[in-house]
Protein backbone atom coordinates (compact mmCIF):
# COMPACT_ATOMS: atom_id res chain seq x y z
CA MET A 1 39.62 129.98 32.81
CA HIS A 2 38.89 129.87 29.11
CA LYS A 3 41.69 127.31 28.51
CA ARG A 4 40.40 125.13 31.33
CA PHE A 5 36.86 125.24 29.92
CA THR A 6 38.11 124.37 26.43
CA ALA A 7 40.10 121.45 27.81
CA PHE A 8 37.04 120.30 29.78
CA VAL A 9 34.83 120.39 26.66
CA ALA A 10 37.45 118.50 24.64
CA ALA A 11 37.75 115.85 27.33
CA LEU A 12 33.97 115.56 27.54
CA ALA A 13 33.67 115.19 23.77
CA TRP A 14 36.37 112.53 23.76
CA GLY A 15 34.65 110.71 26.58
CA LEU A 16 31.30 110.81 24.79
CA GLY A 17 32.93 109.58 21.58
CA ALA A 18 34.60 106.73 23.42
CA ALA A 19 31.34 105.83 25.12
CA GLN A 20 29.52 105.86 21.79
CA ALA A 21 32.25 103.68 20.25
CA GLN A 22 31.76 101.18 23.07
CA ASP A 23 28.03 101.10 22.40
CA VAL A 24 28.34 99.95 18.78
CA TYR A 25 30.11 97.52 16.50
CA THR A 26 30.95 99.31 13.25
CA ILE A 27 30.88 97.20 10.08
CA GLY A 28 32.77 98.58 7.09
CA GLU A 29 31.30 97.32 3.82
CA ILE A 30 32.81 97.80 0.35
CA ASN A 31 31.03 97.02 -2.92
CA SER A 32 30.47 97.83 -6.59
CA TYR A 33 27.19 99.68 -6.11
CA LYS A 34 27.44 101.86 -9.22
CA ALA A 35 28.86 99.12 -11.45
CA GLN A 36 26.41 96.33 -10.48
CA PRO A 37 23.20 97.98 -9.24
CA ALA A 38 20.82 95.14 -10.21
CA PHE A 39 22.32 92.88 -7.55
CA LEU A 40 23.71 95.38 -5.07
CA GLU A 41 20.71 97.64 -4.51
CA PRO A 42 18.72 94.65 -3.19
CA TYR A 43 21.85 93.48 -1.36
CA LYS A 44 22.02 96.78 0.50
CA LYS A 45 18.37 96.44 1.48
CA GLY A 46 19.05 92.95 2.79
CA MET A 47 21.86 94.33 4.94
CA GLU A 48 19.66 97.15 6.24
CA LEU A 49 16.92 94.70 7.20
CA ALA A 50 19.36 92.48 9.10
CA VAL A 51 20.93 95.45 10.93
CA ALA A 52 17.46 96.69 11.94
CA GLN A 53 16.44 93.25 13.20
CA VAL A 54 19.62 92.73 15.20
CA ASN A 55 19.41 96.20 16.75
CA ALA A 56 15.70 95.82 17.53
CA THR A 57 16.52 92.84 19.74
CA GLY A 58 19.21 94.67 21.70
CA GLY A 59 22.13 94.35 19.31
CA VAL A 60 25.07 92.02 20.00
CA GLY A 61 25.94 91.79 23.68
CA GLY A 62 24.15 95.08 24.24
CA ARG A 63 26.03 96.84 21.43
CA LYS A 64 24.18 98.01 18.33
CA LEU A 65 25.43 97.42 14.80
CA ARG A 66 26.45 100.40 12.67
CA LEU A 67 26.90 99.88 8.93
CA VAL A 68 29.18 102.12 6.86
CA THR A 69 29.35 101.45 3.09
CA ARG A 70 31.80 102.51 0.40
CA ASP A 71 31.70 102.11 -3.40
CA ASP A 72 34.71 100.47 -5.03
CA ASN A 73 33.70 101.41 -8.61
CA GLY A 74 34.34 97.81 -9.64
CA ASN A 75 38.06 98.51 -9.24
CA PRO A 76 40.51 96.60 -6.99
CA GLY A 77 42.63 99.69 -6.28
CA ASP A 78 39.61 101.74 -5.24
CA ALA A 79 38.44 98.87 -3.04
CA VAL A 80 41.74 98.74 -1.17
CA ARG A 81 41.77 102.52 -0.71
CA ALA A 82 38.20 102.36 0.64
CA ALA A 83 39.18 99.60 3.07
CA GLU A 84 42.13 101.66 4.32
CA GLU A 85 39.88 104.69 4.83
CA LEU A 86 37.26 102.65 6.69
CA ILE A 87 39.91 101.38 9.10
CA THR A 88 41.78 104.64 9.69
CA ARG A 89 38.94 107.18 9.58
CA GLU A 90 35.80 105.26 10.47
CA LYS A 91 37.58 102.93 12.93
CA VAL A 92 35.50 99.98 11.73
CA ASP A 93 35.58 96.76 13.74
CA VAL A 94 35.20 94.38 10.80
CA LEU A 95 35.34 94.51 7.00
CA MET A 96 32.94 92.78 4.63
CA GLY A 97 31.52 92.95 1.12
CA SER A 98 32.69 92.85 -2.51
CA PHE A 99 30.89 91.49 -5.56
CA LEU A 100 33.37 91.11 -8.43
CA SER A 101 35.88 88.32 -7.97
CA HIS A 102 39.03 90.29 -8.82
CA VAL A 103 37.97 92.97 -6.33
CA GLY A 104 37.30 90.32 -3.71
CA LEU A 105 40.79 88.91 -4.22
CA ALA A 106 42.32 92.35 -3.70
CA LEU A 107 40.45 92.73 -0.41
CA THR A 108 41.44 89.21 0.61
CA ASP A 109 45.08 90.19 0.17
CA PHE A 110 44.49 93.47 2.02
CA ALA A 111 42.97 91.59 4.97
CA GLN A 112 46.06 89.42 5.23
CA GLN A 113 48.47 92.35 4.97
CA LYS A 114 46.62 94.38 7.62
CA LYS A 115 45.67 91.36 9.75
CA ARG A 116 42.01 92.38 9.72
CA PHE A 117 38.95 90.14 9.59
CA PHE A 118 37.16 90.19 6.21
CA LEU A 119 33.92 88.47 5.21
CA ALA A 120 33.70 88.19 1.41
CA ALA A 121 29.95 88.23 0.91
CA GLU A 122 29.45 87.67 -2.81
CA PRO A 123 32.62 87.16 -4.95
CA LEU A 124 32.51 83.60 -6.25
CA THR A 125 36.07 82.77 -7.29
CA ASP A 126 37.49 79.67 -5.62
CA LYS A 127 40.82 81.41 -5.07
CA ILE A 128 39.37 83.41 -2.17
CA VAL A 129 39.18 80.28 -0.02
CA TRP A 130 41.75 78.08 -1.76
CA GLU A 131 44.92 79.26 -3.56
CA ASN A 132 44.73 82.82 -2.18
CA GLY A 133 42.91 81.93 1.02
CA ASN A 134 44.20 83.24 4.34
CA ARG A 135 43.32 83.05 8.04
CA TYR A 136 41.63 86.49 7.99
CA THR A 137 39.17 85.89 5.13
CA PHE A 138 35.87 83.97 5.14
CA ARG A 139 33.38 83.67 2.28
CA LEU A 140 29.58 83.45 2.43
CA ARG A 141 28.19 82.76 -1.05
CA PRO A 142 28.56 79.32 -2.67
CA SER A 143 31.67 79.42 -4.85
CA THR A 144 32.00 78.85 -8.58
CA TYR A 145 33.08 75.28 -7.84
CA MET A 146 30.01 74.66 -5.68
CA GLN A 147 27.49 76.16 -8.08
CA VAL A 148 29.02 74.50 -11.13
CA ALA A 149 29.07 71.18 -9.24
CA MET A 150 25.34 71.63 -8.64
CA LEU A 151 24.75 72.06 -12.39
CA VAL A 152 27.04 69.37 -13.82
CA PRO A 153 24.81 66.35 -13.00
CA GLU A 154 21.99 68.06 -14.91
CA ALA A 155 24.34 68.88 -17.79
CA ALA A 156 25.63 65.30 -17.99
CA ALA A 157 22.08 63.93 -17.90
CA MET A 158 21.37 65.74 -21.20
CA LYS A 159 23.93 63.46 -22.89
CA LYS A 160 25.06 66.24 -25.25
CA LYS A 161 28.48 65.67 -26.76
CA ARG A 162 29.45 69.00 -28.38
CA TRP A 163 29.50 71.95 -25.98
CA ALA A 164 30.08 75.66 -26.64
CA ILE A 165 30.99 78.03 -23.82
CA VAL A 166 30.54 81.78 -23.29
CA TYR A 167 31.76 83.69 -20.26
CA PRO A 168 32.91 87.11 -18.97
CA ASN A 169 36.68 87.28 -19.34
CA TYR A 170 37.79 87.89 -15.76
CA GLU A 171 38.47 85.78 -12.69
CA TYR A 172 34.91 84.58 -11.99
CA GLY A 173 34.19 83.56 -15.59
CA GLN A 174 37.55 81.87 -16.07
CA SER A 175 37.17 79.95 -12.80
CA ALA A 176 33.63 78.80 -13.64
CA VAL A 177 34.63 77.53 -17.08
CA ALA A 178 37.68 75.65 -15.80
CA THR A 179 35.55 73.90 -13.17
CA PHE A 180 32.77 73.09 -15.63
CA LYS A 181 35.20 71.50 -18.08
CA GLN A 182 36.89 69.50 -15.34
CA LEU A 183 33.70 68.18 -13.72
CA LEU A 184 31.74 67.53 -16.92
CA LYS A 185 34.70 65.67 -18.46
CA ALA A 186 34.85 63.49 -15.36
CA ALA A 187 31.12 62.78 -15.54
CA GLN A 188 31.02 62.39 -19.35
CA PRO A 189 34.45 61.44 -20.77
CA ASP A 190 33.40 61.70 -24.44
CA VAL A 191 32.37 65.36 -24.18
CA GLU A 192 33.92 67.86 -26.63
CA PHE A 193 34.28 71.62 -26.19
CA VAL A 194 33.91 72.99 -29.71
CA ALA A 195 33.78 76.76 -29.16
CA GLU A 196 34.69 79.23 -26.46
CA GLN A 197 33.83 82.93 -26.37
CA ALA A 198 35.38 85.15 -23.68
CA ALA A 199 33.64 88.53 -23.58
CA PRO A 200 34.94 91.66 -21.82
CA LEU A 201 32.95 92.19 -18.60
CA GLY A 202 30.03 94.51 -19.27
CA LYS A 203 30.96 94.94 -22.95
CA VAL A 204 29.81 91.79 -24.73
CA ASP A 205 29.47 92.06 -28.51
CA ALA A 206 26.42 89.83 -28.50
CA GLY A 207 26.03 89.63 -32.27
CA SER A 208 29.52 88.32 -32.94
CA VAL A 209 29.45 86.01 -29.91
CA VAL A 210 26.17 84.43 -30.93
CA GLN A 211 27.36 84.01 -34.53
CA ALA A 212 30.62 82.37 -33.42
CA LEU A 213 28.74 79.93 -31.22
CA ALA A 214 26.25 79.13 -33.98
CA ASP A 215 29.06 78.51 -36.47
CA ALA A 216 30.49 75.81 -34.18
CA LYS A 217 27.19 73.87 -34.36
CA PRO A 218 27.17 72.78 -30.70
CA ASP A 219 24.65 70.42 -29.15
CA ALA A 220 24.62 72.44 -25.91
CA ILE A 221 25.83 75.72 -24.44
CA PHE A 222 27.30 76.60 -21.05
CA ASN A 223 26.74 80.29 -20.28
CA VAL A 224 28.38 82.30 -17.48
CA LEU A 225 27.35 85.81 -18.60
CA PHE A 226 25.20 87.83 -16.17
CA ALA A 227 23.59 91.26 -15.73
CA ALA A 228 23.43 93.43 -18.89
CA ASP A 229 25.70 91.02 -20.79
CA LEU A 230 23.21 88.19 -20.20
CA ALA A 231 20.28 90.28 -21.45
CA LYS A 232 22.13 91.17 -24.67
CA PHE A 233 23.17 87.56 -25.23
CA VAL A 234 19.65 86.20 -24.72
CA ARG A 235 18.03 88.76 -27.00
CA GLU A 236 20.55 88.26 -29.79
CA GLY A 237 20.42 84.48 -29.35
CA ASN A 238 16.62 84.50 -29.56
CA THR A 239 16.72 86.68 -32.67
CA ARG A 240 19.20 84.39 -34.45
CA GLY A 241 17.69 81.13 -33.22
CA LEU A 242 20.85 80.07 -31.40
CA PHE A 243 19.08 78.23 -28.60
CA ALA A 244 16.57 76.26 -30.68
CA GLY A 245 17.04 72.53 -30.18
CA LYS A 246 20.04 73.00 -27.90
CA GLY A 247 20.49 72.34 -24.22
CA VAL A 248 21.57 75.39 -22.24
CA VAL A 249 23.13 75.38 -18.77
CA SER A 250 23.50 78.86 -17.32
CA LEU A 251 25.11 79.97 -14.06
CA LEU A 252 23.14 82.53 -11.97
CA SER A 253 20.52 83.09 -14.69
CA GLY A 254 17.62 82.07 -12.46
CA GLU A 255 18.26 85.02 -10.16
CA PRO A 256 15.39 87.53 -10.38
CA GLU A 257 17.72 90.52 -10.75
CA TYR A 258 18.72 89.13 -14.16
CA LEU A 259 15.68 87.07 -15.16
CA ASP A 260 13.16 89.82 -14.42
CA THR A 261 14.78 92.31 -16.78
CA LEU A 262 14.17 89.98 -19.74
CA LYS A 263 10.40 89.86 -19.14
CA GLY A 264 8.74 87.97 -22.01
CA GLU A 265 12.11 87.38 -23.70
CA ALA A 266 13.27 85.16 -20.84
CA PRO A 267 14.42 81.76 -22.13
CA GLU A 268 12.52 78.58 -21.39
CA GLY A 269 14.06 75.27 -20.41
CA TRP A 270 17.52 76.52 -19.44
CA ILE A 271 19.06 74.72 -16.46
CA VAL A 272 20.11 77.42 -14.00
CA THR A 273 21.06 78.35 -10.48
CA GLY A 274 18.83 81.04 -9.04
CA TYR A 275 16.38 82.20 -6.40
CA PRO A 276 12.63 81.46 -6.83
CA TRP A 277 11.56 83.68 -3.94
CA TYR A 278 7.87 83.36 -4.87
CA ALA A 279 7.75 79.60 -4.29
CA ILE A 280 9.96 78.84 -1.27
CA HIS A 281 7.62 77.81 1.53
CA THR A 282 9.79 77.22 4.56
CA PRO A 283 9.28 79.01 7.91
CA ASP A 284 12.69 80.73 7.77
CA HIS A 285 12.18 82.02 4.25
CA GLU A 286 8.58 83.11 4.78
CA ALA A 287 9.60 85.11 7.87
CA PHE A 288 12.35 86.81 5.84
CA LEU A 289 10.02 87.42 2.88
CA ASP A 290 7.31 88.98 5.06
CA ALA A 291 9.78 91.25 6.86
CA TYR A 292 11.45 92.33 3.60
CA LYS A 293 8.14 93.12 1.89
CA LYS A 294 6.89 95.03 4.92
CA ARG A 295 10.02 97.17 5.13
CA PHE A 296 10.66 97.87 1.44
CA LYS A 297 7.27 97.31 -0.28
CA ASP A 298 9.14 95.13 -2.76
CA TYR A 299 10.12 91.49 -3.19
CA PRO A 300 13.65 90.24 -2.45
CA ARG A 301 16.25 89.30 -5.03
CA ALA A 302 19.20 86.96 -4.62
CA GLY A 303 21.29 89.93 -3.53
CA SER A 304 18.82 90.62 -0.73
CA VAL A 305 19.46 87.19 0.79
CA VAL A 306 23.24 87.54 0.46
CA GLY A 307 23.26 90.96 2.15
CA TYR A 308 20.95 89.72 4.91
CA ASN A 309 23.00 86.56 5.51
CA ALA A 310 26.26 88.51 5.58
CA ILE A 311 25.10 90.79 8.40
CA GLN A 312 23.53 87.91 10.31
CA SER A 313 26.85 86.06 9.99
CA ILE A 314 28.81 89.02 11.33
CA ALA A 315 26.36 89.38 14.24
CA ALA A 316 26.57 85.67 15.06
CA GLY A 317 30.37 85.78 14.89
CA LEU A 318 30.60 88.82 17.16
CA LYS A 319 28.23 87.21 19.65
CA LYS A 320 30.23 83.98 19.75
CA ALA A 321 33.58 85.82 19.97
CA GLY A 322 32.36 88.23 22.63
CA SER A 323 34.30 91.02 20.95
CA ALA A 324 35.58 92.29 17.60
CA ASP A 325 39.13 91.18 18.34
CA THR A 326 40.44 89.75 15.07
CA GLU A 327 41.84 86.50 16.46
CA LYS A 328 38.75 85.86 18.59
CA LEU A 329 36.54 86.53 15.57
CA ILE A 330 38.54 84.13 13.40
CA ALA A 331 38.19 81.44 16.05
CA ALA A 332 34.45 82.14 16.33
CA PHE A 333 33.87 81.90 12.56
CA ARG A 334 35.57 78.52 12.24
CA GLY A 335 32.60 76.19 12.54
CA LEU A 336 30.16 79.08 13.10
CA GLU A 337 26.50 78.15 12.57
CA VAL A 338 24.10 80.82 11.29
CA ARG A 339 20.36 80.63 10.74
CA THR A 340 19.37 82.05 7.33
CA PRO A 341 16.30 82.24 5.05
CA PHE A 342 17.69 79.16 3.26
CA GLY A 343 18.10 77.27 6.53
CA PRO A 344 21.16 76.81 8.76
CA ILE A 345 24.64 77.27 7.31
CA THR A 346 28.09 76.59 8.72
CA TYR A 347 31.45 78.23 8.02
CA ARG A 348 33.90 75.38 7.40
CA ALA A 349 37.02 75.51 9.55
CA GLN A 350 39.16 73.91 6.84
CA ASP A 351 38.73 76.59 4.16
CA HIS A 352 36.50 79.32 5.66
CA GLN A 353 33.77 78.65 3.06
CA SER A 354 30.15 78.68 4.20
CA THR A 355 27.76 75.87 3.34
CA MET A 356 25.12 78.26 1.97
CA GLY A 357 23.48 76.54 -1.00
CA ALA A 358 21.56 77.57 -4.10
CA TYR A 359 18.44 76.59 -5.99
CA VAL A 360 18.79 74.65 -9.24
CA GLY A 361 15.92 74.39 -11.70
CA LYS A 362 14.73 75.35 -15.16
CA THR A 363 13.66 78.68 -16.58
CA GLY A 364 10.08 79.18 -17.68
CA LEU A 365 7.57 81.90 -18.46
CA TYR A 366 4.62 82.83 -16.25
CA GLY A 367 2.49 85.93 -16.62
CA GLY A 368 4.83 87.37 -19.24
CA LYS A 369 7.98 87.13 -17.16
CA GLY A 370 10.75 84.67 -16.44
CA VAL A 371 10.50 82.29 -13.50
CA MET A 372 12.20 79.19 -12.16
CA VAL A 373 10.30 75.90 -12.31
CA ASP A 374 11.07 72.31 -11.30
CA PHE A 375 13.63 73.61 -8.81
CA LYS A 376 15.21 72.14 -5.71
CA TYR A 377 17.52 73.48 -3.03
CA MET A 378 21.08 72.23 -3.17
CA ASP A 379 22.79 72.19 0.23
CA GLY A 380 26.24 73.70 -0.24
CA ALA A 381 27.77 71.21 2.19
CA LYS A 382 27.23 68.46 -0.38
CA PHE A 383 29.07 70.23 -3.20
CA GLN A 384 32.50 70.89 -1.75
CA PRO A 385 35.73 68.94 -2.23
CA SER A 386 36.95 66.54 0.42
CA ASP A 387 39.14 67.77 3.26
CA ALA A 388 42.14 66.09 1.63
CA GLU A 389 41.51 67.93 -1.66
CA VAL A 390 41.01 71.23 0.16
CA LYS A 391 44.35 70.77 1.94
CA LYS A 392 46.07 70.46 -1.44
CA LEU A 393 44.23 73.48 -2.80
CA ARG A 394 44.89 75.63 0.27
CA PRO A 395 48.42 74.69 1.30
CA ALA A 396 49.61 77.98 2.77
CA ALA A 397 46.61 79.14 4.82
CA PRO A 398 46.29 77.83 8.39
């Protein structure tokens, strides 16, 4: 009798577990939360808001979303181990996430090996959708190519001949610099690159970098540093007068997670990509802003929008596919349209890159803190290579 009862309880528990599994879609998310908290704490809030909104309206096809996160410690090996654990132990339906480009590339390769769908939310390297692109991987955020392409017309308009460059010495920084040189040279053939400083990620020696750039006597500077490295560079550059009389073009530096930390030391007149959340007056953004403020009693950062858009993309893909089957999800994401706080975006079938754009403007000071002024939204669809170029760049990925 006891054995029968035990077997009955086990069967009941299995049945309940199976029923619960059928009631949810589980999203496994992997990111560098400890290594990059300025961006990823708001990112996590953006995801939580999107999950709550989707579930409040009945979920996807009657199934609620469940979000399970793991920290990759900014390390590709840890990211792959976390992905394996999410699949085997948590039985996740889809994988998404990553921030650092080299980590994103590791997960892109993992997705191909395991034949699992992966949405790369934030890593910016072009390789994710081009050279290393595969049928299982899609990418949300505008790439290094796209964001640099948004900045180059402004850089060329300055008509500065001698450029110095500083960047974090890993995949994202290297990719951004290569694209900047290529596109600026095409727009301004007489340009010269007179100095280049590649700093270890998170360990910039700001004093020596600033001195090396100053010694080269450039007319303008292209900066790719972000987070704590950016703050050190700006403070040292201000102290030594590096930026006086020079044009500065700076990738990501208009994002509040980086600009806010500088407070009154924030630079003025830099041309940047960023997110002026306080001055975007569209219905989609105002609805997002109101909901975010109500839930978190805080204002959103760029990471908040990326996290929110990533979950909304997954939900839209699952709805269109009608299931979490990998092949059905891939088919659904090719050409998928998603409504976001920045307006509608589409995931391109030809390279799995979304058309999410970015804001380009200048840095300024208001009320003792850095802001973006004179900005405009750049639609990502207008800053991507032609289909013919993409085919050359992505030869092996159907």
